[in-house]
Amino acid sequence: MDKQHENRIQLDQQISLQTKILFGLQRSYEVEFNRKMNVEPLQLQNDLLRRDLQGIDVDVDDESG
């Protein structure tokens, strides 16, 4: 009976360790996924800003002389 109790405790510890590992992997995945989700809108916004800047005609006069 004591041997079974020790085996259950060991099994419980292994399950706990595996749960912690899986939780860490899940957090890493979520960080990477969210990063990708945030990058795309920023890239689109940058593209729009570039187009807007290309559409602006700037007349630069040399005021030094």
C-alpha atoms as a PDB file:
ATOM      1  CA  MET A   1       0.000   0.000   0.000  1.00  0.00           C
ATOM      2  CA  ASP A   2       2.853   2.376   0.813  1.00  0.00           C
ATOM      3  CA  LYS A   3       4.475   1.556  -2.530  1.00  0.00           C
ATOM      4  CA  GLN A   4       1.279   2.492  -4.367  1.00  0.00           C
ATOM      5  CA  HIS A   5       1.074   5.717  -2.388  1.00  0.00           C
ATOM      6  CA  GLU A   6       4.658   6.596  -3.375  1.00  0.00           C
ATOM      7  CA  ASN A   7       3.890   5.794  -7.015  1.00  0.00           C
ATOM      8  CA  ARG A   8       0.836   8.046  -6.929  1.00  0.00           C
ATOM      9  CA  ILE A   9       2.829  10.874  -5.411  1.00  0.00           C
ATOM     10  CA  GLN A  10       5.500  10.437  -8.086  1.00  0.00           C
ATOM     11  CA  LEU A  11       2.860  10.370 -10.802  1.00  0.00           C
ATOM     12  CA  ASP A  12       1.238  13.494  -9.373  1.00  0.00           C
ATOM     13  CA  GLN A  13       4.594  15.277  -9.385  1.00  0.00           C
ATOM     14  CA  GLN A  14       5.232  14.260 -12.991  1.00  0.00           C
ATOM     15  CA  ILE A  15       1.787  15.488 -14.023  1.00  0.00           C
ATOM     16  CA  SER A  16       2.416  18.772 -12.231  1.00  0.00           C
ATOM     17  CA  LEU A  17       5.753  19.215 -14.003  1.00  0.00           C
ATOM     18  CA  GLN A  18       4.225  18.409 -17.399  1.00  0.00           C
ATOM     19  CA  THR A  19       1.409  20.882 -16.723  1.00  0.00           C
ATOM     20  CA  LYS A  20       3.932  23.625 -15.937  1.00  0.00           C
ATOM     21  CA  ILE A  21       5.873  22.830 -19.116  1.00  0.00           C
ATOM     22  CA  LEU A  22       2.713  22.908 -21.237  1.00  0.00           C
ATOM     23  CA  PHE A  23       1.641  26.187 -19.617  1.00  0.00           C
ATOM     24  CA  GLY A  24       5.023  27.717 -20.487  1.00  0.00           C
ATOM     25  CA  LEU A  25       4.782  26.514 -24.082  1.00  0.00           C
ATOM     26  CA  GLN A  26       1.256  27.889 -24.370  1.00  0.00           C
ATOM     27  CA  ARG A  27       2.360  31.299 -23.099  1.00  0.00           C
ATOM     28  CA  SER A  28       5.253  31.375 -25.567  1.00  0.00           C
ATOM     29  CA  TYR A  29       2.901  30.469 -28.417  1.00  0.00           C
ATOM     30  CA  GLU A  30       0.405  33.156 -27.406  1.00  0.00           C
ATOM     31  CA  VAL A  31       3.127  35.805 -27.248  1.00  0.00           C
ATOM     32  CA  GLU A  32       4.348  34.884 -30.724  1.00  0.00           C
ATOM     33  CA  PHE A  33       0.812  34.693 -32.137  1.00  0.00           C
ATOM     34  CA  ASN A  34      -0.124  38.073 -30.661  1.00  0.00           C
ATOM     35  CA  ARG A  35       3.091  39.580 -32.007  1.00  0.00           C
ATOM     36  CA  LYS A  36       2.165  38.435 -35.511  1.00  0.00           C
ATOM     37  CA  MET A  37      -1.367  39.736 -35.069  1.00  0.00           C
ATOM     38  CA  ASN A  38      -0.030  43.156 -34.044  1.00  0.00           C
ATOM     39  CA  VAL A  39       2.622  43.394 -36.759  1.00  0.00           C
ATOM     40  CA  GLU A  40       0.272  43.114 -39.734  1.00  0.00           C
ATOM     41  CA  PRO A  41      -1.911  46.145 -38.886  1.00  0.00           C
ATOM     42  CA  LEU A  42       1.223  48.200 -38.181  1.00  0.00           C
ATOM     43  CA  GLN A  43       2.696  47.231 -41.540  1.00  0.00           C
ATOM     44  CA  LEU A  44      -0.534  48.220 -43.275  1.00  0.00           C
ATOM     45  CA  GLN A  45      -0.562  51.520 -41.417  1.00  0.00           C
ATOM     46  CA  ASN A  46       3.050  52.176 -42.447  1.00  0.00           C
ATOM     47  CA  ASP A  47       2.179  51.436 -46.070  1.00  0.00           C
ATOM     48  CA  LEU A  48      -0.686  53.937 -45.924  1.00  0.00           C
ATOM     49  CA  LEU A  49       1.577  56.572 -44.406  1.00  0.00           C
ATOM     50  CA  ARG A  50       4.165  56.000 -47.151  1.00  0.00           C
ATOM     51  CA  ARG A  51       1.492  56.430 -49.816  1.00  0.00           C
ATOM     52  CA  ASP A  52       0.242  59.603 -48.155  1.00  0.00           C
ATOM     53  CA  LEU A  53       3.761  61.007 -48.019  1.00  0.00           C
ATOM     54  CA  GLN A  54       4.366  60.188 -51.665  1.00  0.00           C
ATOM     55  CA  GLY A  55       1.210  62.100 -52.562  1.00  0.00           C
ATOM     56  CA  ILE A  56       2.409  65.275 -50.854  1.00  0.00           C
ATOM     57  CA  ASP A  57       4.258  67.637 -53.192  1.00  0.00           C
ATOM     58  CA  VAL A  58       6.778  69.580 -51.166  1.00  0.00           C
ATOM     59  CA  ASP A  59       8.293  72.722 -52.655  1.00  0.00           C
ATOM     60  CA  VAL A  60      11.589  73.410 -50.929  1.00  0.00           C
ATOM     61  CA  ASP A  61      13.069  76.873 -51.469  1.00  0.00           C
ATOM     62  CA  ASP A  62      16.641  77.643 -50.586  1.00  0.00           C
ATOM     63  CA  GLU A  63      16.308  80.496 -48.082  1.00  0.00           C
ATOM     64  CA  SER A  64      20.058  80.881 -47.591  1.00  0.00           C
ATOM     65  CA  GLY A  65      20.661  82.994 -50.576  1.00  0.00           C
END
